[in-house]
Amino acid sequence: MNIKKVVLVGMFSGLLAIISPLQIILPFSPVPITLQVVGMVLSGSILGSKLGFLSVLIYTILGLVGLPIFAGFKSGVPTLIGPTGGYIIGFIVAAYIIGKLIEIKDEPGLAYMLFANIIGLIILYTIGTLQLSFVYTHSIPKAIVAGVLPYIIPDLIKIFFSSILVIQVRKILIKSNYIIL
């Protein structure tokens, strides 16, 4: 891996570490509203599958070893095995899948970018909901109510604006011959 890629992975891991602790707590759910979806979308869509995966993985490892960078300034193994830990694992998998889908297209437009990011969101919700159901609700339908339904509209809004941003960033990178994917 060249130095540019190392720097980019570090920058996107850092971006996730900065935006992830900020949260809005909903009284009926252990899952907060955060900007982590934005970090996942940007990592996968701009860096591609391998580097996007790596940036989110490094963010996760930093949180596991004790840096308070998960939602609500949490960290450590208890967070990863707790009710919201599936979402953290989901960010890693979703960033990879988003990157793979983006790599298929030479110049993805907004519709395709939205498609790829919505697929990533579905993966995130699936993994997060499964762990939430095992650890917190002991019921898939209750986990969907607590960990998916209240977040769909806010997350789709975040994905929409993130996708627009990604398209603009990719245009700038292509114009400057700084191709990542």
N, C-alpha and C. Protein backbone atom coordinates (compact mmCIF):
# COMPACT_ATOMS: atom_id res chain seq x y z
N MET A 1 0.85 -1.17 0.00
CA MET A 1 0.00 0.00 0.00
C MET A 1 0.89 1.24 0.00
N ASN A 2 0.60 2.19 -0.90
CA ASN A 2 1.44 3.38 -0.97
C ASN A 2 1.04 4.39 0.11
N ILE A 3 1.86 5.41 0.27
CA ILE A 3 1.67 6.38 1.35
C ILE A 3 0.35 7.14 1.21
N LYS A 4 -0.08 7.43 -0.03
CA LYS A 4 -1.35 8.14 -0.22
C LYS A 4 -2.50 7.31 0.32
N LYS A 5 -2.48 6.03 0.06
CA LYS A 5 -3.57 5.16 0.53
C LYS A 5 -3.54 5.05 2.06
N VAL A 6 -2.36 4.95 2.63
CA VAL A 6 -2.24 4.88 4.09
C VAL A 6 -2.81 6.16 4.72
N VAL A 7 -2.47 7.30 4.14
CA VAL A 7 -2.95 8.58 4.65
C VAL A 7 -4.48 8.66 4.52
N LEU A 8 -5.01 8.24 3.38
CA LEU A 8 -6.46 8.28 3.18
C LEU A 8 -7.20 7.38 4.16
N VAL A 9 -6.69 6.19 4.37
CA VAL A 9 -7.32 5.28 5.33
C VAL A 9 -7.30 5.91 6.72
N GLY A 10 -6.18 6.49 7.09
CA GLY A 10 -6.08 7.15 8.39
C GLY A 10 -7.03 8.34 8.51
N MET A 11 -7.14 9.11 7.42
CA MET A 11 -8.05 10.26 7.44
C MET A 11 -9.50 9.84 7.61
N PHE A 12 -9.91 8.79 6.90
CA PHE A 12 -11.29 8.35 7.00
C PHE A 12 -11.56 7.66 8.34
N SER A 13 -10.58 6.97 8.89
CA SER A 13 -10.73 6.42 10.24
C SER A 13 -10.88 7.56 11.24
N GLY A 14 -10.06 8.59 11.06
CA GLY A 14 -10.14 9.77 11.92
C GLY A 14 -11.47 10.49 11.79
N LEU A 15 -11.97 10.59 10.56
CA LEU A 15 -13.28 11.22 10.34
C LEU A 15 -14.35 10.47 11.12
N LEU A 16 -14.35 9.16 11.01
CA LEU A 16 -15.32 8.35 11.76
C LEU A 16 -15.16 8.56 13.27
N ALA A 17 -13.93 8.62 13.74
CA ALA A 17 -13.68 8.80 15.17
C ALA A 17 -14.19 10.16 15.66
N ILE A 18 -14.15 11.15 14.80
CA ILE A 18 -14.60 12.49 15.18
C ILE A 18 -16.12 12.60 15.18
N ILE A 19 -16.78 12.04 14.15
CA ILE A 19 -18.22 12.22 14.04
C ILE A 19 -19.04 11.18 14.79
N SER A 20 -18.47 10.06 15.11
CA SER A 20 -19.23 8.96 15.73
C SER A 20 -19.71 9.22 17.15
N PRO A 21 -18.93 9.85 18.02
CA PRO A 21 -19.40 10.01 19.40
C PRO A 21 -20.64 10.90 19.54
N LEU A 22 -20.85 11.79 18.59
CA LEU A 22 -22.00 12.69 18.66
C LEU A 22 -23.28 11.88 18.45
N GLN A 23 -24.25 12.07 19.32
CA GLN A 23 -25.45 11.25 19.23
C GLN A 23 -26.69 11.99 19.72
N ILE A 24 -27.81 11.53 19.25
CA ILE A 24 -29.12 11.94 19.77
C ILE A 24 -29.75 10.66 20.31
N ILE A 25 -30.07 10.68 21.58
CA ILE A 25 -30.63 9.49 22.22
C ILE A 25 -32.14 9.51 22.10
N LEU A 26 -32.69 8.38 21.67
CA LEU A 26 -34.14 8.21 21.63
C LEU A 26 -34.54 7.46 22.90
N PRO A 27 -35.59 7.89 23.59
CA PRO A 27 -35.93 7.29 24.89
C PRO A 27 -36.40 5.83 24.82
N PHE A 28 -36.78 5.36 23.66
CA PHE A 28 -37.34 4.01 23.54
C PHE A 28 -36.37 3.01 22.93
N SER A 29 -35.11 3.42 22.71
CA SER A 29 -34.18 2.54 22.02
C SER A 29 -32.76 2.75 22.53
N PRO A 30 -31.97 1.67 22.61
CA PRO A 30 -30.56 1.84 22.96
C PRO A 30 -29.72 2.32 21.78
N VAL A 31 -30.32 2.39 20.59
CA VAL A 31 -29.61 2.80 19.38
C VAL A 31 -29.78 4.30 19.19
N PRO A 32 -28.69 5.07 19.28
CA PRO A 32 -28.80 6.52 19.10
C PRO A 32 -28.76 6.91 17.61
N ILE A 33 -29.19 8.11 17.34
CA ILE A 33 -29.00 8.69 16.00
C ILE A 33 -27.60 9.30 15.99
N THR A 34 -26.80 8.89 15.00
CA THR A 34 -25.42 9.39 14.89
C THR A 34 -25.11 9.73 13.43
N LEU A 35 -23.90 10.19 13.21
CA LEU A 35 -23.42 10.45 11.86
C LEU A 35 -22.55 9.30 11.33
N GLN A 36 -22.55 8.17 12.04
CA GLN A 36 -21.72 7.05 11.62
C GLN A 36 -22.09 6.56 10.23
N VAL A 37 -23.36 6.64 9.86
CA VAL A 37 -23.78 6.23 8.51
C VAL A 37 -23.06 7.08 7.46
N VAL A 38 -22.91 8.36 7.74
CA VAL A 38 -22.20 9.25 6.81
C VAL A 38 -20.76 8.79 6.65
N GLY A 39 -20.09 8.48 7.75
CA GLY A 39 -18.71 8.01 7.67
C GLY A 39 -18.58 6.71 6.90
N MET A 40 -19.53 5.81 7.10
CA MET A 40 -19.53 4.53 6.38
C MET A 40 -19.70 4.76 4.88
N VAL A 41 -20.66 5.61 4.52
CA VAL A 41 -20.94 5.89 3.10
C VAL A 41 -19.72 6.56 2.46
N LEU A 42 -19.15 7.54 3.12
CA LEU A 42 -17.99 8.22 2.55
C LEU A 42 -16.80 7.27 2.40
N SER A 43 -16.57 6.45 3.41
CA SER A 43 -15.44 5.51 3.35
C SER A 43 -15.59 4.53 2.19
N GLY A 44 -16.73 3.88 2.11
CA GLY A 44 -16.94 2.90 1.04
C GLY A 44 -17.01 3.51 -0.34
N SER A 45 -17.71 4.65 -0.46
CA SER A 45 -17.94 5.25 -1.77
C SER A 45 -16.72 5.95 -2.34
N ILE A 46 -15.91 6.53 -1.48
CA ILE A 46 -14.74 7.27 -1.97
C ILE A 46 -13.50 6.37 -2.00
N LEU A 47 -13.29 5.58 -0.96
CA LEU A 47 -12.07 4.78 -0.89
C LEU A 47 -12.18 3.44 -1.61
N GLY A 48 -13.39 2.96 -1.84
CA GLY A 48 -13.56 1.66 -2.46
C GLY A 48 -13.63 0.56 -1.41
N SER A 49 -13.77 -0.66 -1.88
CA SER A 49 -14.03 -1.79 -0.97
C SER A 49 -12.90 -2.05 0.01
N LYS A 50 -11.69 -2.19 -0.47
CA LYS A 50 -10.59 -2.58 0.41
C LYS A 50 -10.21 -1.48 1.38
N LEU A 51 -9.99 -0.27 0.85
CA LEU A 51 -9.58 0.83 1.73
C LEU A 51 -10.72 1.30 2.62
N GLY A 52 -11.95 1.29 2.10
CA GLY A 52 -13.11 1.66 2.91
C GLY A 52 -13.28 0.68 4.06
N PHE A 53 -13.19 -0.60 3.74
CA PHE A 53 -13.24 -1.65 4.77
C PHE A 53 -12.16 -1.41 5.81
N LEU A 54 -10.94 -1.17 5.35
CA LEU A 54 -9.80 -0.98 6.25
C LEU A 54 -9.99 0.24 7.15
N SER A 55 -10.50 1.34 6.59
CA SER A 55 -10.67 2.55 7.40
C SER A 55 -11.69 2.33 8.51
N VAL A 56 -12.80 1.64 8.21
CA VAL A 56 -13.81 1.39 9.23
C VAL A 56 -13.31 0.33 10.23
N LEU A 57 -12.55 -0.64 9.75
CA LEU A 57 -11.97 -1.64 10.65
C LEU A 57 -11.01 -0.99 11.64
N ILE A 58 -10.16 -0.10 11.16
CA ILE A 58 -9.21 0.58 12.05
C ILE A 58 -9.96 1.42 13.08
N TYR A 59 -11.00 2.13 12.64
CA TYR A 59 -11.84 2.89 13.57
C TYR A 59 -12.37 1.95 14.66
N THR A 60 -12.86 0.79 14.26
CA THR A 60 -13.43 -0.17 15.20
C THR A 60 -12.37 -0.69 16.17
N ILE A 61 -11.20 -1.00 15.66
CA ILE A 61 -10.11 -1.50 16.52
C ILE A 61 -9.70 -0.42 17.52
N LEU A 62 -9.64 0.82 17.07
CA LEU A 62 -9.28 1.92 17.99
C LEU A 62 -10.31 2.03 19.12
N GLY A 63 -11.58 1.86 18.78
CA GLY A 63 -12.62 1.87 19.81
C GLY A 63 -12.53 0.67 20.74
N LEU A 64 -12.18 -0.48 20.17
CA LEU A 64 -12.06 -1.69 20.98
C LEU A 64 -10.93 -1.60 22.01
N VAL A 65 -9.84 -0.95 21.63
CA VAL A 65 -8.70 -0.87 22.56
C VAL A 65 -8.87 0.25 23.58
N GLY A 66 -9.98 0.97 23.53
CA GLY A 66 -10.26 1.91 24.60
C GLY A 66 -10.43 3.36 24.24
N LEU A 67 -10.18 3.74 23.00
CA LEU A 67 -10.43 5.14 22.65
C LEU A 67 -11.93 5.38 22.64
N PRO A 68 -12.40 6.43 23.28
CA PRO A 68 -13.85 6.67 23.39
C PRO A 68 -14.43 7.28 22.10
N ILE A 69 -14.49 6.48 21.04
CA ILE A 69 -14.88 7.00 19.74
C ILE A 69 -16.16 6.38 19.19
N PHE A 70 -16.76 5.47 19.94
CA PHE A 70 -18.06 4.96 19.52
C PHE A 70 -19.13 5.97 19.95
N ALA A 71 -20.36 5.75 19.53
CA ALA A 71 -21.45 6.67 19.87
C ALA A 71 -21.50 6.90 21.37
N GLY A 72 -21.69 8.15 21.76
CA GLY A 72 -21.76 8.49 23.18
C GLY A 72 -20.42 8.41 23.89
N PHE A 73 -19.33 8.47 23.14
CA PHE A 73 -17.97 8.40 23.68
C PHE A 73 -17.72 7.07 24.40
N LYS A 74 -18.32 6.02 23.91
CA LYS A 74 -18.11 4.69 24.47
C LYS A 74 -16.93 4.02 23.78
N SER A 75 -16.48 2.92 24.38
CA SER A 75 -15.37 2.15 23.79
C SER A 75 -15.36 0.76 24.40
N GLY A 76 -14.48 -0.07 23.88
CA GLY A 76 -14.23 -1.37 24.47
C GLY A 76 -15.11 -2.50 23.98
N VAL A 77 -14.74 -3.69 24.42
CA VAL A 77 -15.45 -4.91 24.04
C VAL A 77 -16.91 -4.89 24.49
N PRO A 78 -17.24 -4.38 25.70
CA PRO A 78 -18.65 -4.36 26.09
C PRO A 78 -19.55 -3.64 25.08
N THR A 79 -19.04 -2.60 24.47
CA THR A 79 -19.83 -1.89 23.46
C THR A 79 -20.03 -2.77 22.24
N LEU A 80 -18.98 -3.47 21.84
CA LEU A 80 -19.08 -4.31 20.64
C LEU A 80 -19.99 -5.52 20.85
N ILE A 81 -20.06 -6.05 22.06
CA ILE A 81 -20.94 -7.19 22.29
C ILE A 81 -22.29 -6.77 22.87
N GLY A 82 -22.47 -5.47 23.05
CA GLY A 82 -23.73 -4.95 23.59
C GLY A 82 -24.78 -4.77 22.51
N PRO A 83 -25.88 -4.13 22.85
CA PRO A 83 -27.01 -3.99 21.93
C PRO A 83 -26.67 -3.31 20.60
N THR A 84 -25.75 -2.35 20.62
CA THR A 84 -25.44 -1.60 19.40
C THR A 84 -24.20 -2.11 18.68
N GLY A 85 -23.56 -3.12 19.21
CA GLY A 85 -22.33 -3.63 18.60
C GLY A 85 -22.51 -4.18 17.20
N GLY A 86 -23.66 -4.72 16.91
CA GLY A 86 -23.93 -5.24 15.56
C GLY A 86 -23.89 -4.14 14.51
N TYR A 87 -24.27 -2.94 14.92
CA TYR A 87 -24.21 -1.83 13.97
C TYR A 87 -22.76 -1.47 13.66
N ILE A 88 -21.91 -1.55 14.66
CA ILE A 88 -20.48 -1.27 14.44
C ILE A 88 -19.90 -2.29 13.46
N ILE A 89 -20.20 -3.57 13.68
CA ILE A 89 -19.75 -4.61 12.74
C ILE A 89 -20.39 -4.37 11.37
N GLY A 90 -21.64 -3.98 11.38
CA GLY A 90 -22.34 -3.69 10.12
C GLY A 90 -21.68 -2.58 9.32
N PHE A 91 -21.12 -1.57 10.00
CA PHE A 91 -20.43 -0.50 9.28
C PHE A 91 -19.26 -1.04 8.47
N ILE A 92 -18.54 -1.99 9.05
CA ILE A 92 -17.37 -2.57 8.37
C ILE A 92 -17.81 -3.31 7.11
N VAL A 93 -18.79 -4.19 7.26
CA VAL A 93 -19.27 -5.00 6.14
C VAL A 93 -19.91 -4.10 5.07
N ALA A 94 -20.73 -3.16 5.51
CA ALA A 94 -21.43 -2.29 4.56
C ALA A 94 -20.45 -1.42 3.77
N ALA A 95 -19.42 -0.89 4.42
CA ALA A 95 -18.43 -0.08 3.70
C ALA A 95 -17.77 -0.90 2.59
N TYR A 96 -17.48 -2.15 2.88
CA TYR A 96 -16.87 -3.03 1.88
C TYR A 96 -17.83 -3.25 0.70
N ILE A 97 -19.08 -3.58 0.99
CA ILE A 97 -20.06 -3.85 -0.06
C ILE A 97 -20.34 -2.59 -0.88
N ILE A 98 -20.48 -1.45 -0.21
CA ILE A 98 -20.67 -0.19 -0.94
C ILE A 98 -19.50 0.03 -1.90
N GLY A 99 -18.30 -0.14 -1.40
CA GLY A 99 -17.11 0.03 -2.24
C GLY A 99 -17.11 -0.91 -3.43
N LYS A 100 -17.47 -2.18 -3.20
CA LYS A 100 -17.53 -3.15 -4.31
C LYS A 100 -18.55 -2.72 -5.35
N LEU A 101 -19.71 -2.28 -4.90
CA LEU A 101 -20.74 -1.84 -5.85
C LEU A 101 -20.29 -0.61 -6.64
N ILE A 102 -19.62 0.31 -5.98
CA ILE A 102 -19.14 1.52 -6.66
C ILE A 102 -18.03 1.17 -7.65
N GLU A 103 -17.20 0.19 -7.33
CA GLU A 103 -16.11 -0.20 -8.22
C GLU A 103 -16.62 -0.81 -9.53
N ILE A 104 -17.82 -1.30 -9.53
CA ILE A 104 -18.39 -1.89 -10.74
C ILE A 104 -18.60 -0.84 -11.83
N LYS A 105 -18.93 0.38 -11.44
CA LYS A 105 -19.23 1.46 -12.39
C LYS A 105 -18.02 2.37 -12.57
N ASP A 106 -17.78 2.78 -13.82
CA ASP A 106 -16.69 3.73 -14.05
C ASP A 106 -17.02 5.11 -13.50
N GLU A 107 -18.20 5.61 -13.82
CA GLU A 107 -18.64 6.92 -13.34
C GLU A 107 -20.06 6.80 -12.81
N PRO A 108 -20.21 6.35 -11.57
CA PRO A 108 -21.56 6.18 -11.04
C PRO A 108 -22.27 7.52 -10.89
N GLY A 109 -23.51 7.57 -11.34
CA GLY A 109 -24.33 8.75 -11.16
C GLY A 109 -25.02 8.72 -9.82
N LEU A 110 -25.85 9.72 -9.58
CA LEU A 110 -26.53 9.83 -8.30
C LEU A 110 -27.43 8.63 -8.03
N ALA A 111 -28.18 8.19 -9.03
CA ALA A 111 -29.10 7.06 -8.82
C ALA A 111 -28.33 5.80 -8.42
N TYR A 112 -27.23 5.53 -9.09
CA TYR A 112 -26.45 4.33 -8.76
C TYR A 112 -25.77 4.49 -7.39
N MET A 113 -25.29 5.69 -7.11
CA MET A 113 -24.66 5.95 -5.82
C MET A 113 -25.67 5.72 -4.70
N LEU A 114 -26.87 6.22 -4.89
CA LEU A 114 -27.94 6.00 -3.89
C LEU A 114 -28.24 4.51 -3.74
N PHE A 115 -28.32 3.82 -4.87
CA PHE A 115 -28.57 2.37 -4.84
C PHE A 115 -27.51 1.65 -4.01
N ALA A 116 -26.25 1.91 -4.30
CA ALA A 116 -25.15 1.25 -3.59
C ALA A 116 -25.20 1.55 -2.09
N ASN A 117 -25.47 2.80 -1.77
CA ASN A 117 -25.49 3.20 -0.36
C ASN A 117 -26.72 2.66 0.38
N ILE A 118 -27.83 2.53 -0.32
CA ILE A 118 -29.02 1.94 0.31
C ILE A 118 -28.79 0.45 0.54
N ILE A 119 -28.12 -0.22 -0.38
CA ILE A 119 -27.76 -1.63 -0.15
C ILE A 119 -26.88 -1.72 1.10
N GLY A 120 -25.92 -0.82 1.23
CA GLY A 120 -25.07 -0.79 2.42
C GLY A 120 -25.90 -0.57 3.69
N LEU A 121 -26.88 0.31 3.61
CA LEU A 121 -27.75 0.57 4.76
C LEU A 121 -28.56 -0.66 5.14
N ILE A 122 -29.04 -1.38 4.14
CA ILE A 122 -29.79 -2.62 4.41
C ILE A 122 -28.90 -3.65 5.11
N ILE A 123 -27.66 -3.75 4.66
CA ILE A 123 -26.70 -4.66 5.31
C ILE A 123 -26.45 -4.22 6.75
N LEU A 124 -26.25 -2.94 6.95
CA LEU A 124 -26.04 -2.40 8.28
C LEU A 124 -27.22 -2.72 9.19
N TYR A 125 -28.42 -2.44 8.71
CA TYR A 125 -29.62 -2.71 9.51
C TYR A 125 -29.76 -4.20 9.82
N THR A 126 -29.45 -5.04 8.86
CA THR A 126 -29.60 -6.48 9.07
C THR A 126 -28.67 -6.98 10.18
N ILE A 127 -27.40 -6.63 10.09
CA ILE A 127 -26.43 -7.08 11.08
C ILE A 127 -26.74 -6.45 12.45
N GLY A 128 -27.02 -5.15 12.45
CA GLY A 128 -27.33 -4.46 13.70
C GLY A 128 -28.58 -5.00 14.37
N THR A 129 -29.61 -5.25 13.57
CA THR A 129 -30.88 -5.75 14.11
C THR A 129 -30.73 -7.15 14.69
N LEU A 130 -29.95 -7.98 14.02
CA LEU A 130 -29.75 -9.34 14.55
C LEU A 130 -29.11 -9.30 15.94
N GLN A 131 -28.06 -8.50 16.10
CA GLN A 131 -27.42 -8.44 17.41
C GLN A 131 -28.35 -7.77 18.43
N LEU A 132 -29.04 -6.72 18.02
CA LEU A 132 -29.98 -6.05 18.92
C LEU A 132 -31.05 -7.02 19.41
N SER A 133 -31.51 -7.87 18.51
CA SER A 133 -32.54 -8.84 18.91
C SER A 133 -31.99 -9.88 19.88
N PHE A 134 -30.76 -10.32 19.69
CA PHE A 134 -30.17 -11.33 20.57
C PHE A 134 -29.85 -10.76 21.95
N VAL A 135 -29.33 -9.53 21.97
CA VAL A 135 -28.81 -8.96 23.21
C VAL A 135 -29.85 -8.15 23.97
N TYR A 136 -30.77 -7.52 23.28
CA TYR A 136 -31.64 -6.53 23.93
C TYR A 136 -33.11 -6.91 23.94
N THR A 137 -33.69 -7.19 22.78
CA THR A 137 -35.14 -7.39 22.71
C THR A 137 -35.56 -8.85 22.71
N HIS A 138 -34.68 -9.73 22.29
CA HIS A 138 -34.98 -11.17 22.15
C HIS A 138 -36.13 -11.41 21.18
N SER A 139 -36.28 -10.48 20.23
CA SER A 139 -37.34 -10.58 19.23
C SER A 139 -36.94 -9.75 18.01
N ILE A 140 -36.96 -10.37 16.84
CA ILE A 140 -36.63 -9.64 15.61
C ILE A 140 -37.62 -8.49 15.38
N PRO A 141 -38.94 -8.72 15.46
CA PRO A 141 -39.86 -7.59 15.25
C PRO A 141 -39.64 -6.43 16.23
N LYS A 142 -39.37 -6.73 17.50
CA LYS A 142 -39.11 -5.66 18.46
C LYS A 142 -37.79 -4.95 18.14
N ALA A 143 -36.81 -5.71 17.67
CA ALA A 143 -35.52 -5.10 17.30
C ALA A 143 -35.69 -4.19 16.08
N ILE A 144 -36.54 -4.57 15.16
CA ILE A 144 -36.80 -3.71 13.99
C ILE A 144 -37.46 -2.41 14.44
N VAL A 145 -38.40 -2.51 15.37
CA VAL A 145 -39.08 -1.32 15.89
C VAL A 145 -38.09 -0.42 16.64
N ALA A 146 -37.19 -1.02 17.42
CA ALA A 146 -36.25 -0.25 18.23
C ALA A 146 -35.01 0.20 17.47
N GLY A 147 -34.61 -0.57 16.43
CA GLY A 147 -33.32 -0.29 15.80
C GLY A 147 -33.33 0.02 14.32
N VAL A 148 -34.53 0.02 13.70
CA VAL A 148 -34.58 0.31 12.26
C VAL A 148 -35.61 1.38 11.94
N LEU A 149 -36.85 1.14 12.30
CA LEU A 149 -37.94 2.02 11.87
C LEU A 149 -37.73 3.51 12.18
N PRO A 150 -37.27 3.87 13.38
CA PRO A 150 -37.10 5.30 13.65
C PRO A 150 -35.95 5.95 12.88
N TYR A 151 -35.09 5.12 12.29
CA TYR A 151 -33.86 5.62 11.69
C TYR A 151 -33.91 5.67 10.16
N ILE A 152 -34.89 5.07 9.57
CA ILE A 152 -34.93 4.97 8.11
C ILE A 152 -34.90 6.34 7.45
N ILE A 153 -35.81 7.22 7.82
CA ILE A 153 -35.87 8.54 7.18
C ILE A 153 -34.60 9.35 7.45
N PRO A 154 -34.15 9.48 8.71
CA PRO A 154 -32.90 10.22 8.92
C PRO A 154 -31.71 9.63 8.15
N ASP A 155 -31.62 8.29 8.12
CA ASP A 155 -30.50 7.67 7.41
C ASP A 155 -30.60 7.86 5.90
N LEU A 156 -31.79 7.81 5.35
CA LEU A 156 -31.95 8.06 3.91
C LEU A 156 -31.58 9.50 3.57
N ILE A 157 -31.91 10.43 4.43
CA ILE A 157 -31.51 11.83 4.22
C ILE A 157 -29.99 11.95 4.25
N LYS A 158 -29.36 11.31 5.24
CA LYS A 158 -27.89 11.34 5.33
C LYS A 158 -27.26 10.71 4.09
N ILE A 159 -27.84 9.61 3.64
CA ILE A 159 -27.31 8.93 2.44
C ILE A 159 -27.47 9.80 1.21
N PHE A 160 -28.59 10.46 1.08
CA PHE A 160 -28.82 11.32 -0.08
C PHE A 160 -27.76 12.42 -0.16
N PHE A 161 -27.57 13.15 0.94
CA PHE A 161 -26.59 14.25 0.91
C PHE A 161 -25.16 13.73 0.83
N SER A 162 -24.88 12.61 1.46
CA SER A 162 -23.55 12.02 1.36
C SER A 162 -23.26 11.58 -0.07
N SER A 163 -24.25 11.03 -0.76
CA SER A 163 -24.07 10.58 -2.14
C SER A 163 -23.77 11.76 -3.06
N ILE A 164 -24.45 12.87 -2.84
CA ILE A 164 -24.17 14.08 -3.63
C ILE A 164 -22.73 14.53 -3.37
N LEU A 165 -22.32 14.53 -2.11
CA LEU A 165 -20.96 14.92 -1.75
C LEU A 165 -19.93 13.98 -2.39
N VAL A 166 -20.20 12.70 -2.35
CA VAL A 166 -19.27 11.71 -2.91
C VAL A 166 -19.09 11.94 -4.41
N ILE A 167 -20.16 12.19 -5.13
CA ILE A 167 -20.06 12.41 -6.57
C ILE A 167 -19.18 13.63 -6.85
N GLN A 168 -19.34 14.69 -6.07
CA GLN A 168 -18.53 15.89 -6.27
C GLN A 168 -17.06 15.63 -5.93
N VAL A 169 -16.82 14.92 -4.85
CA VAL A 169 -15.43 14.60 -4.45
C VAL A 169 -14.78 13.72 -5.51
N ARG A 170 -15.51 12.74 -6.01
CA ARG A 170 -14.95 11.85 -7.04
C ARG A 170 -14.62 12.63 -8.31
N LYS A 171 -15.47 13.60 -8.69
CA LYS A 171 -15.17 14.43 -9.87
C LYS A 171 -13.87 15.20 -9.67
N ILE A 172 -13.69 15.76 -8.50
CA ILE A 172 -12.47 16.52 -8.20
C ILE A 172 -11.26 15.59 -8.24
N LEU A 173 -11.39 14.40 -7.67
CA LEU A 173 -10.28 13.45 -7.66
C LEU A 173 -9.93 12.99 -9.07
N ILE A 174 -10.94 12.78 -9.90
CA ILE A 174 -10.69 12.36 -11.29
C ILE A 174 -10.04 13.48 -12.09
N LYS A 175 -10.52 14.72 -11.92
CA LYS A 175 -9.93 15.86 -12.62
C LYS A 175 -8.47 16.05 -12.25
N SER A 176 -8.13 15.79 -11.00
CA SER A 176 -6.76 15.98 -10.56
C SER A 176 -5.91 14.72 -10.74
N ASN A 177 -6.45 13.75 -11.50
CA ASN A 177 -5.76 12.48 -11.74
C ASN A 177 -5.38 11.76 -10.45
N TYR A 178 -6.16 11.96 -9.44
CA TYR A 178 -5.94 11.31 -8.16
C TYR A 178 -7.05 10.26 -7.99
N ILE A 179 -6.91 9.19 -8.71
CA ILE A 179 -7.93 8.15 -8.71
C ILE A 179 -7.65 7.21 -7.55
N ILE A 180 -8.69 6.92 -6.79
CA ILE A 180 -8.55 6.02 -5.65
C ILE A 180 -8.94 4.61 -6.06
N LEU A 181 -10.10 4.48 -6.64
CA LEU A 181 -10.63 3.15 -6.99
C LEU A 181 -9.90 2.56 -8.16
